[in-house]
Amino acid sequence: MRLSESVKSISYLKANAADLVNQINKNQNTLIITQNGEAKVVVQDIKLYEKTQETLAMLKLLAMTSEENPNAKGIKETFGDIRKELKKKSQ
């Protein structure tokens, strides 16, 4: 969905809530809701939201590791280690 198509007014949301929820879930996208012409709320597919939260958690862990331990591995090495662990778990 294009950004221009993902911005809807709150009155549009009220009138088409069920259809919009189905569309958002089907396409796993995000919808921006406006009120009085200003962006106020983001409506997002739950799976996409969960992926975003997991990504943020991973980035926070990486930031904490490098902040707490100045001798910690570089980011490339850390991501390499994470990839190896994920491959082991998926096998």
Protein backbone atom coordinates (compact mmCIF):
# COMPACT_ATOMS: atom_id res chain seq x y z
CA MET A 1 0.00 0.00 0.00
CA ARG A 2 1.33 3.42 -0.90
CA LEU A 3 1.75 6.06 1.78
CA SER A 4 -0.95 8.18 0.13
CA GLU A 5 -3.34 5.23 0.42
CA SER A 6 -2.39 4.46 4.03
CA VAL A 7 -3.56 7.79 5.46
CA LYS A 8 -7.23 7.88 6.43
CA SER A 9 -9.35 10.22 8.52
CA ILE A 10 -10.88 9.13 11.79
CA SER A 11 -14.34 9.46 10.27
CA TYR A 12 -13.30 7.05 7.50
CA LEU A 13 -12.04 4.64 10.16
CA LYS A 14 -15.33 4.85 12.04
CA ALA A 15 -17.35 4.15 8.91
CA ASN A 16 -15.12 1.35 7.59
CA ALA A 17 -13.48 -0.18 10.65
CA ALA A 18 -14.20 -3.84 9.87
CA ASP A 19 -13.05 -3.55 6.26
CA LEU A 20 -9.89 -1.68 7.25
CA VAL A 21 -9.00 -4.27 9.90
CA ASN A 22 -9.43 -7.07 7.36
CA GLN A 23 -7.33 -5.18 4.80
CA ILE A 24 -4.57 -4.40 7.30
CA ASN A 25 -4.42 -8.03 8.48
CA LYS A 26 -4.46 -9.41 4.95
CA ASN A 27 -1.68 -7.14 3.68
CA GLN A 28 0.23 -6.84 6.99
CA ASN A 29 0.55 -3.11 6.63
CA THR A 30 0.16 0.07 8.66
CA LEU A 31 -2.54 2.73 8.52
CA ILE A 32 -2.14 6.31 9.70
CA ILE A 33 -5.29 7.90 11.14
CA THR A 34 -5.73 11.65 11.04
CA GLN A 35 -7.90 13.93 13.13
CA ASN A 36 -8.49 17.51 12.03
CA GLY A 37 -5.86 17.03 9.32
CA GLU A 38 -3.10 15.91 11.70
CA ALA A 39 -1.67 12.41 12.01
CA LYS A 40 -2.74 11.12 15.42
CA VAL A 41 -2.69 7.31 15.51
CA VAL A 42 -1.04 4.38 13.77
CA VAL A 43 -3.05 1.19 13.25
CA GLN A 44 -0.84 -1.80 12.48
CA ASP A 45 -1.19 -5.50 11.83
CA ILE A 46 -0.37 -7.43 15.02
CA LYS A 47 2.20 -9.68 13.33
CA LEU A 48 4.02 -6.67 11.92
CA TYR A 49 3.88 -5.01 15.34
CA GLU A 50 5.36 -8.10 17.01
CA LYS A 51 8.19 -8.25 14.45
CA THR A 52 8.92 -4.58 15.08
CA GLN A 53 9.00 -5.13 18.85
CA GLU A 54 11.34 -8.12 18.48
CA THR A 55 13.64 -6.08 16.27
CA LEU A 56 13.70 -3.23 18.78
CA ALA A 57 14.45 -5.65 21.62
CA MET A 58 17.37 -7.10 19.65
CA LEU A 59 18.75 -3.64 18.91
CA LYS A 60 18.43 -2.66 22.59
CA LEU A 61 20.39 -5.77 23.60
CA LEU A 62 23.12 -4.93 21.12
CA ALA A 63 23.28 -1.35 22.35
CA MET A 64 23.47 -2.47 25.99
CA THR A 65 26.22 -4.99 25.20
CA SER A 66 28.43 -2.43 23.49
CA GLU A 67 27.75 0.23 26.15
CA GLU A 68 28.43 -2.04 29.12
CA ASN A 69 31.51 -3.71 27.70
CA PRO A 70 33.90 -1.55 25.70
CA ASN A 71 35.80 -4.72 24.72
CA ALA A 72 32.64 -6.35 23.29
CA LYS A 73 32.71 -7.76 19.80
CA GLY A 74 31.90 -5.49 16.90
CA ILE A 75 28.39 -5.35 15.56
CA LYS A 76 29.23 -7.48 12.51
CA GLU A 77 30.61 -10.24 14.71
CA THR A 78 27.65 -10.02 17.07
CA PHE A 79 25.16 -10.32 14.23
CA GLY A 80 27.18 -13.22 12.87
CA ASP A 81 26.92 -14.99 16.22
CA ILE A 82 23.18 -14.33 16.34
CA ARG A 83 22.74 -15.73 12.83
CA LYS A 84 24.64 -18.90 13.81
CA GLU A 85 22.45 -19.37 16.88
CA LEU A 86 19.28 -18.87 14.85
CA LYS A 87 20.45 -21.43 12.27
CA LYS A 88 21.16 -23.96 15.05
CA LYS A 89 17.68 -23.45 16.49
CA SER A 90 15.96 -23.82 13.12
CA GLN A 91 17.70 -27.14 12.34
